[in-house]
Amino acid sequence: MKKLIFRDNNFDAILSLNGNLPEISFFESINSTLIAADGAANNLLSINVIPDFIIGDLDSFDKNYRLNKTKIIQIDDQETNDFEKCLIWCSKNNKQKILIIGFHGGELEHSINNISVFKKYSQYLELTILDRDRYGIFVNQSFTSNFNTNEIISIIPLPSALLRTKGLVWELDNTKLELGIKEGARNRTKIDFVEINVIYGQFLLFFDSRYPKIPLLI
């Protein structure tokens, strides 16, 4: 069984999508490569945050910005969206541990599509969503972890998962979660040690962030 730990380590890259961004103090503390997915660069630059890279088809980026140190990478492939273009670039450039901000907050269809891309690339990249002091990760195997007692834990099946849990207020006992039938949002820990057994399936797991600590399944 895997163990989910929170390691003191830097993310290889922070990838900004075109949604809600963290407070400005977040950007003052980062020391990882900052990547903007096309139009997300406009949001960053509007608060005087300068990305190291801007990647995408550049149909949304305001080219009136004059950037001396930012590398702009235009990828015109119409089979992938800008989020996916950034992840492909990260994979090719040894950026494995990636923190994603701005995941939602724009058009709803973009947020839903982001979930599909996130699931696809979580198979071989260590992807973490950070949104409003919450982490989100992709899980497809059993694990144990230390959480805070009374911490909110959400389990969102993708699209289904059969699970057993120990340490939650509302335990799952060979319980099938499935989109459109039964979800697992807003559960809570009753102790500081939690075990989730994955009989089959996969899901998104949401919990309180420990930024800048990295959540890793090892």
C-alpha atoms as a PDB file:
ATOM      1  CA  MET A   1       0.000   0.000   0.000  1.00  0.00           C
ATOM      2  CA  LYS A   2       1.267   3.457  -0.918  1.00  0.00           C
ATOM      3  CA  LYS A   3       1.768   6.233   1.633  1.00  0.00           C
ATOM      4  CA  LEU A   4       0.768   9.820   0.912  1.00  0.00           C
ATOM      5  CA  ILE A   5       3.375  12.106   2.456  1.00  0.00           C
ATOM      6  CA  PHE A   6       3.999  15.843   2.415  1.00  0.00           C
ATOM      7  CA  ARG A   7       7.615  16.416   1.504  1.00  0.00           C
ATOM      8  CA  ASP A   8       9.634  19.614   1.912  1.00  0.00           C
ATOM      9  CA  ASN A   9      10.657  20.051  -1.680  1.00  0.00           C
ATOM     10  CA  ASN A  10      10.129  22.470  -4.526  1.00  0.00           C
ATOM     11  CA  PHE A  11       7.742  21.864  -7.380  1.00  0.00           C
ATOM     12  CA  ASP A  12       9.567  21.696 -10.696  1.00  0.00           C
ATOM     13  CA  ALA A  13       7.065  24.156 -12.158  1.00  0.00           C
ATOM     14  CA  ILE A  14       3.989  26.147 -11.258  1.00  0.00           C
ATOM     15  CA  LEU A  15       1.495  26.170 -14.114  1.00  0.00           C
ATOM     16  CA  SER A  16      -1.090  28.948 -14.214  1.00  0.00           C
ATOM     17  CA  LEU A  17      -4.349  28.388 -16.066  1.00  0.00           C
ATOM     18  CA  ASN A  18      -6.833  31.140 -16.855  1.00  0.00           C
ATOM     19  CA  GLY A  19      -8.983  30.888 -13.696  1.00  0.00           C
ATOM     20  CA  ASN A  20      -8.955  32.207 -10.153  1.00  0.00           C
ATOM     21  CA  LEU A  21      -5.449  32.973  -8.900  1.00  0.00           C
ATOM     22  CA  PRO A  22      -4.006  32.828  -5.368  1.00  0.00           C
ATOM     23  CA  GLU A  23      -3.280  35.982  -3.372  1.00  0.00           C
ATOM     24  CA  ILE A  24      -0.297  38.050  -4.509  1.00  0.00           C
ATOM     25  CA  SER A  25       1.672  36.852  -1.462  1.00  0.00           C
ATOM     26  CA  PHE A  26       1.739  33.380  -3.014  1.00  0.00           C
ATOM     27  CA  PHE A  27       3.787  34.629  -5.964  1.00  0.00           C
ATOM     28  CA  GLU A  28       6.212  36.457  -3.689  1.00  0.00           C
ATOM     29  CA  SER A  29       7.208  33.155  -2.090  1.00  0.00           C
ATOM     30  CA  ILE A  30       7.658  30.862  -5.097  1.00  0.00           C
ATOM     31  CA  ASN A  31      11.034  29.832  -6.457  1.00  0.00           C
ATOM     32  CA  SER A  32       9.913  27.381  -9.133  1.00  0.00           C
ATOM     33  CA  THR A  33       9.573  27.933 -12.871  1.00  0.00           C
ATOM     34  CA  LEU A  34       6.326  29.827 -13.506  1.00  0.00           C
ATOM     35  CA  ILE A  35       4.469  28.852 -16.695  1.00  0.00           C
ATOM     36  CA  ALA A  36       1.392  30.622 -18.040  1.00  0.00           C
ATOM     37  CA  ALA A  37      -0.993  28.836 -20.385  1.00  0.00           C
ATOM     38  CA  ASP A  38      -1.634  31.428 -23.105  1.00  0.00           C
ATOM     39  CA  GLY A  39      -4.278  33.895 -21.846  1.00  0.00           C
ATOM     40  CA  ALA A  40      -3.430  33.142 -18.220  1.00  0.00           C
ATOM     41  CA  ALA A  41      -0.409  35.372 -18.798  1.00  0.00           C
ATOM     42  CA  ASN A  42      -2.730  38.384 -19.054  1.00  0.00           C
ATOM     43  CA  ASN A  43      -4.062  37.715 -15.548  1.00  0.00           C
ATOM     44  CA  LEU A  44      -0.566  37.305 -14.132  1.00  0.00           C
ATOM     45  CA  LEU A  45       0.808  40.412 -15.811  1.00  0.00           C
ATOM     46  CA  SER A  46      -2.184  42.468 -14.640  1.00  0.00           C
ATOM     47  CA  ILE A  47      -0.984  41.912 -11.051  1.00  0.00           C
ATOM     48  CA  ASN A  48       2.682  42.464 -12.004  1.00  0.00           C
ATOM     49  CA  VAL A  49       3.626  38.779 -11.892  1.00  0.00           C
ATOM     50  CA  ILE A  50       5.924  37.921 -14.791  1.00  0.00           C
ATOM     51  CA  PRO A  51       5.943  34.279 -15.942  1.00  0.00           C
ATOM     52  CA  ASP A  52       9.116  32.559 -17.082  1.00  0.00           C
ATOM     53  CA  PHE A  53       7.284  30.917 -19.989  1.00  0.00           C
ATOM     54  CA  ILE A  54       4.075  31.569 -21.907  1.00  0.00           C
ATOM     55  CA  ILE A  55       2.934  28.486 -23.812  1.00  0.00           C
ATOM     56  CA  GLY A  56      -0.025  27.922 -26.119  1.00  0.00           C
ATOM     57  CA  ASP A  57      -1.473  28.863 -29.477  1.00  0.00           C
ATOM     58  CA  LEU A  58      -1.352  32.519 -28.293  1.00  0.00           C
ATOM     59  CA  ASP A  59      -4.835  33.365 -29.519  1.00  0.00           C
ATOM     60  CA  SER A  60      -5.636  34.953 -26.130  1.00  0.00           C
ATOM     61  CA  PHE A  61      -2.345  36.459 -24.996  1.00  0.00           C
ATOM     62  CA  ASP A  62      -2.207  40.255 -25.254  1.00  0.00           C
ATOM     63  CA  LYS A  63       0.861  40.799 -27.405  1.00  0.00           C
ATOM     64  CA  ASN A  64       1.016  44.474 -26.394  1.00  0.00           C
ATOM     65  CA  TYR A  65       2.923  43.370 -23.297  1.00  0.00           C
ATOM     66  CA  ARG A  66       6.653  43.879 -23.729  1.00  0.00           C
ATOM     67  CA  LEU A  67       8.505  41.090 -21.970  1.00  0.00           C
ATOM     68  CA  ASN A  68      12.292  40.917 -21.903  1.00  0.00           C
ATOM     69  CA  LYS A  69      12.921  37.790 -19.831  1.00  0.00           C
ATOM     70  CA  THR A  70       9.851  35.697 -20.613  1.00  0.00           C
ATOM     71  CA  LYS A  71      10.208  32.973 -23.221  1.00  0.00           C
ATOM     72  CA  ILE A  72       7.119  32.722 -25.431  1.00  0.00           C
ATOM     73  CA  ILE A  73       6.471  29.335 -27.022  1.00  0.00           C
ATOM     74  CA  GLN A  74       3.776  29.214 -29.694  1.00  0.00           C
ATOM     75  CA  ILE A  75       2.269  25.792 -30.432  1.00  0.00           C
ATOM     76  CA  ASP A  76      -0.418  25.827 -33.114  1.00  0.00           C
ATOM     77  CA  ASP A  77      -1.588  22.222 -32.736  1.00  0.00           C
ATOM     78  CA  GLN A  78      -5.412  22.366 -32.637  1.00  0.00           C
ATOM     79  CA  GLU A  79      -5.760  18.803 -31.298  1.00  0.00           C
ATOM     80  CA  THR A  80      -4.725  19.928 -27.808  1.00  0.00           C
ATOM     81  CA  ASN A  81      -5.798  22.848 -25.627  1.00  0.00           C
ATOM     82  CA  ASP A  82      -3.335  25.214 -23.973  1.00  0.00           C
ATOM     83  CA  PHE A  83      -3.333  23.280 -20.667  1.00  0.00           C
ATOM     84  CA  GLU A  84      -2.349  20.118 -22.496  1.00  0.00           C
ATOM     85  CA  LYS A  85       0.269  21.934 -24.563  1.00  0.00           C
ATOM     86  CA  CYS A  86       1.908  23.105 -21.333  1.00  0.00           C
ATOM     87  CA  LEU A  87       1.919  19.610 -19.832  1.00  0.00           C
ATOM     88  CA  ILE A  88       3.437  18.116 -22.982  1.00  0.00           C
ATOM     89  CA  TRP A  89       6.156  20.771 -22.854  1.00  0.00           C
ATOM     90  CA  CYS A  90       6.782  20.046 -19.158  1.00  0.00           C
ATOM     91  CA  SER A  91       7.087  16.337 -19.855  1.00  0.00           C
ATOM     92  CA  LYS A  92       9.663  16.973 -22.571  1.00  0.00           C
ATOM     93  CA  ASN A  93      11.641  19.394 -20.376  1.00  0.00           C
ATOM     94  CA  ASN A  94      12.003  17.331 -17.196  1.00  0.00           C
ATOM     95  CA  LYS A  95       9.294  19.141 -15.235  1.00  0.00           C
ATOM     96  CA  GLN A  96       7.647  16.264 -13.372  1.00  0.00           C
ATOM     97  CA  LYS A  97       6.293  17.779 -10.144  1.00  0.00           C
ATOM     98  CA  ILE A  98       3.832  20.467 -11.226  1.00  0.00           C
ATOM     99  CA  LEU A  99       1.559  22.662  -9.133  1.00  0.00           C
ATOM    100  CA  ILE A 100      -1.479  23.932 -11.061  1.00  0.00           C
ATOM    101  CA  ILE A 101      -3.189  27.213 -10.166  1.00  0.00           C
ATOM    102  CA  GLY A 102      -6.085  28.970 -11.894  1.00  0.00           C
ATOM    103  CA  PHE A 103      -7.685  25.574 -12.541  1.00  0.00           C
ATOM    104  CA  HIS A 104     -11.251  26.904 -12.504  1.00  0.00           C
ATOM    105  CA  GLY A 105     -13.098  30.182 -12.328  1.00  0.00           C
ATOM    106  CA  GLY A 106     -13.519  30.921 -16.017  1.00  0.00           C
ATOM    107  CA  GLU A 107     -16.001  29.278 -18.373  1.00  0.00           C
ATOM    108  CA  LEU A 108     -17.501  26.107 -16.903  1.00  0.00           C
ATOM    109  CA  GLU A 109     -16.711  23.966 -19.943  1.00  0.00           C
ATOM    110  CA  HIS A 110     -13.034  24.879 -19.586  1.00  0.00           C
ATOM    111  CA  SER A 111     -13.021  23.745 -15.949  1.00  0.00           C
ATOM    112  CA  ILE A 112     -14.688  20.435 -16.822  1.00  0.00           C
ATOM    113  CA  ASN A 113     -12.313  19.861 -19.722  1.00  0.00           C
ATOM    114  CA  ASN A 114      -9.378  20.632 -17.407  1.00  0.00           C
ATOM    115  CA  ILE A 115     -10.420  17.671 -15.253  1.00  0.00           C
ATOM    116  CA  SER A 116     -10.136  15.349 -18.262  1.00  0.00           C
ATOM    117  CA  VAL A 117      -6.671  16.678 -19.151  1.00  0.00           C
ATOM    118  CA  PHE A 118      -5.588  16.493 -15.492  1.00  0.00           C
ATOM    119  CA  LYS A 119      -6.630  12.840 -15.281  1.00  0.00           C
ATOM    120  CA  LYS A 120      -4.885  11.957 -18.551  1.00  0.00           C
ATOM    121  CA  TYR A 121      -1.508  13.442 -17.636  1.00  0.00           C
ATOM    122  CA  SER A 122      -1.581  12.365 -13.986  1.00  0.00           C
ATOM    123  CA  GLN A 123      -0.712   8.912 -15.306  1.00  0.00           C
ATOM    124  CA  TYR A 124       2.930   9.963 -15.734  1.00  0.00           C
ATOM    125  CA  LEU A 125       3.350  13.440 -14.198  1.00  0.00           C
ATOM    126  CA  GLU A 126       3.028  14.358 -10.507  1.00  0.00           C
ATOM    127  CA  LEU A 127       0.232  16.913 -10.796  1.00  0.00           C
ATOM    128  CA  THR A 128      -1.306  18.843  -7.903  1.00  0.00           C
ATOM    129  CA  ILE A 129      -4.114  21.394  -8.042  1.00  0.00           C
ATOM    130  CA  LEU A 130      -3.970  24.305  -5.594  1.00  0.00           C
ATOM    131  CA  ASP A 131      -7.225  26.204  -5.171  1.00  0.00           C
ATOM    132  CA  ARG A 132      -8.311  28.313  -2.180  1.00  0.00           C
ATOM    133  CA  ASP A 133      -5.900  26.576   0.206  1.00  0.00           C
ATOM    134  CA  ARG A 134      -6.981  23.116  -0.952  1.00  0.00           C
ATOM    135  CA  TYR A 135      -4.926  20.493  -2.774  1.00  0.00           C
ATOM    136  CA  GLY A 136      -6.359  18.133  -5.385  1.00  0.00           C
ATOM    137  CA  ILE A 137      -4.565  15.024  -6.641  1.00  0.00           C
ATOM    138  CA  PHE A 138      -5.417  12.012  -8.822  1.00  0.00           C
ATOM    139  CA  VAL A 139      -5.530   8.637  -7.037  1.00  0.00           C
ATOM    140  CA  ASN A 140      -5.858   5.140  -8.527  1.00  0.00           C
ATOM    141  CA  GLN A 141      -4.300   2.998  -5.797  1.00  0.00           C
ATOM    142  CA  SER A 142      -4.662   2.299  -2.082  1.00  0.00           C
ATOM    143  CA  PHE A 143      -2.803   4.539   0.361  1.00  0.00           C
ATOM    144  CA  THR A 144      -2.450   5.679   3.954  1.00  0.00           C
ATOM    145  CA  SER A 145      -1.700   9.199   5.150  1.00  0.00           C
ATOM    146  CA  ASN A 146      -1.595  11.498   8.140  1.00  0.00           C
ATOM    147  CA  PHE A 147      -4.177  14.277   7.960  1.00  0.00           C
ATOM    148  CA  ASN A 148      -5.440  16.720  10.547  1.00  0.00           C
ATOM    149  CA  THR A 149      -8.309  15.515  12.707  1.00  0.00           C
ATOM    150  CA  ASN A 150     -11.613  16.958  11.431  1.00  0.00           C
ATOM    151  CA  GLU A 151     -10.055  17.855   8.072  1.00  0.00           C
ATOM    152  CA  ILE A 152     -12.454  17.950   5.118  1.00  0.00           C
ATOM    153  CA  ILE A 153     -11.694  15.164   2.634  1.00  0.00           C
ATOM    154  CA  SER A 154     -13.517  14.954  -0.700  1.00  0.00           C
ATOM    155  CA  ILE A 155     -13.442  11.907  -2.971  1.00  0.00           C
ATOM    156  CA  ILE A 156     -14.733  12.586  -6.498  1.00  0.00           C
ATOM    157  CA  PRO A 157     -14.889   9.413  -8.655  1.00  0.00           C
ATOM    158  CA  LEU A 158     -13.525   9.490 -12.211  1.00  0.00           C
ATOM    159  CA  PRO A 159     -15.952   8.076 -13.239  1.00  0.00           C
ATOM    160  CA  SER A 160     -16.302   5.333 -10.581  1.00  0.00           C
ATOM    161  CA  ALA A 161     -14.422   3.709  -7.727  1.00  0.00           C
ATOM    162  CA  LEU A 162     -15.116   0.940  -5.213  1.00  0.00           C
ATOM    163  CA  LEU A 163     -13.535   1.888  -1.882  1.00  0.00           C
ATOM    164  CA  ARG A 164     -13.033   0.960   1.753  1.00  0.00           C
ATOM    165  CA  THR A 165     -11.887   3.591   4.232  1.00  0.00           C
ATOM    166  CA  LYS A 166     -10.671   3.836   7.825  1.00  0.00           C
ATOM    167  CA  GLY A 167     -10.494   7.081   9.754  1.00  0.00           C
ATOM    168  CA  LEU A 168     -13.345   9.046   8.172  1.00  0.00           C
ATOM    169  CA  VAL A 169     -16.525  10.222   9.860  1.00  0.00           C
ATOM    170  CA  TRP A 170     -18.637   8.620   7.110  1.00  0.00           C
ATOM    171  CA  GLU A 171     -16.755   5.434   6.316  1.00  0.00           C
ATOM    172  CA  LEU A 172     -16.942   3.686   2.961  1.00  0.00           C
ATOM    173  CA  ASP A 173     -17.280  -0.090   3.285  1.00  0.00           C
ATOM    174  CA  ASN A 174     -17.030  -1.675  -0.155  1.00  0.00           C
ATOM    175  CA  THR A 175     -18.906   1.416  -1.312  1.00  0.00           C
ATOM    176  CA  LYS A 176     -19.139   2.291  -4.987  1.00  0.00           C
ATOM    177  CA  LEU A 177     -18.849   5.965  -5.840  1.00  0.00           C
ATOM    178  CA  GLU A 178     -19.903   6.893  -9.352  1.00  0.00           C
ATOM    179  CA  LEU A 179     -20.593  10.152 -11.162  1.00  0.00           C
ATOM    180  CA  GLY A 180     -24.313  10.711 -11.495  1.00  0.00           C
ATOM    181  CA  ILE A 181     -25.111   8.140  -8.793  1.00  0.00           C
ATOM    182  CA  LYS A 182     -23.097   8.604  -5.581  1.00  0.00           C
ATOM    183  CA  GLU A 183     -20.279  11.033  -4.802  1.00  0.00           C
ATOM    184  CA  GLY A 184     -17.969  11.409  -1.813  1.00  0.00           C
ATOM    185  CA  ALA A 185     -17.598  15.157  -1.340  1.00  0.00           C
ATOM    186  CA  ARG A 186     -17.154  16.885   2.031  1.00  0.00           C
ATOM    187  CA  ASN A 187     -16.341  13.929   4.258  1.00  0.00           C
ATOM    188  CA  ARG A 188     -14.216  14.501   7.381  1.00  0.00           C
ATOM    189  CA  THR A 189     -11.420  12.771   9.215  1.00  0.00           C
ATOM    190  CA  LYS A 190     -12.239  11.560  12.728  1.00  0.00           C
ATOM    191  CA  ILE A 191      -8.607  10.752  13.565  1.00  0.00           C
ATOM    192  CA  ASP A 192      -5.270  11.937  12.166  1.00  0.00           C
ATOM    193  CA  PHE A 193      -4.504   8.703  10.290  1.00  0.00           C
ATOM    194  CA  VAL A 194      -6.573   7.681   7.254  1.00  0.00           C
ATOM    195  CA  GLU A 195      -6.528   4.589   5.077  1.00  0.00           C
ATOM    196  CA  ILE A 196      -8.264   4.401   1.700  1.00  0.00           C
ATOM    197  CA  ASN A 197      -8.357   1.016  -0.008  1.00  0.00           C
ATOM    198  CA  VAL A 198      -9.025   1.135  -3.742  1.00  0.00           C
ATOM    199  CA  ILE A 199     -10.681  -2.101  -4.804  1.00  0.00           C
ATOM    200  CA  TYR A 200     -11.008  -0.682  -8.285  1.00  0.00           C
ATOM    201  CA  GLY A 201     -11.368   2.674  -9.997  1.00  0.00           C
ATOM    202  CA  GLN A 202      -9.872   6.123  -9.663  1.00  0.00           C
ATOM    203  CA  PHE A 203     -10.809   9.464  -8.191  1.00  0.00           C
ATOM    204  CA  LEU A 204      -9.796  13.025  -7.384  1.00  0.00           C
ATOM    205  CA  LEU A 205      -8.877  13.526  -3.734  1.00  0.00           C
ATOM    206  CA  PHE A 206      -9.204  17.006  -2.206  1.00  0.00           C
ATOM    207  CA  PHE A 207      -7.783  18.030   1.179  1.00  0.00           C
ATOM    208  CA  ASP A 208      -6.195  21.026   2.922  1.00  0.00           C
ATOM    209  CA  SER A 209      -3.003  22.261   1.275  1.00  0.00           C
ATOM    210  CA  ARG A 210       0.377  22.248   3.004  1.00  0.00           C
ATOM    211  CA  TYR A 211       2.019  24.570   0.513  1.00  0.00           C
ATOM    212  CA  PRO A 212       4.937  24.643  -0.140  1.00  0.00           C
ATOM    213  CA  LYS A 213       5.058  20.996   0.924  1.00  0.00           C
ATOM    214  CA  ILE A 214       4.443  18.564  -1.947  1.00  0.00           C
ATOM    215  CA  PRO A 215       1.922  15.709  -1.658  1.00  0.00           C
ATOM    216  CA  LEU A 216       3.571  12.526  -2.928  1.00  0.00           C
ATOM    217  CA  LEU A 217       2.361   8.929  -3.117  1.00  0.00           C
ATOM    218  CA  ILE A 218       5.399   6.727  -2.427  1.00  0.00           C
END
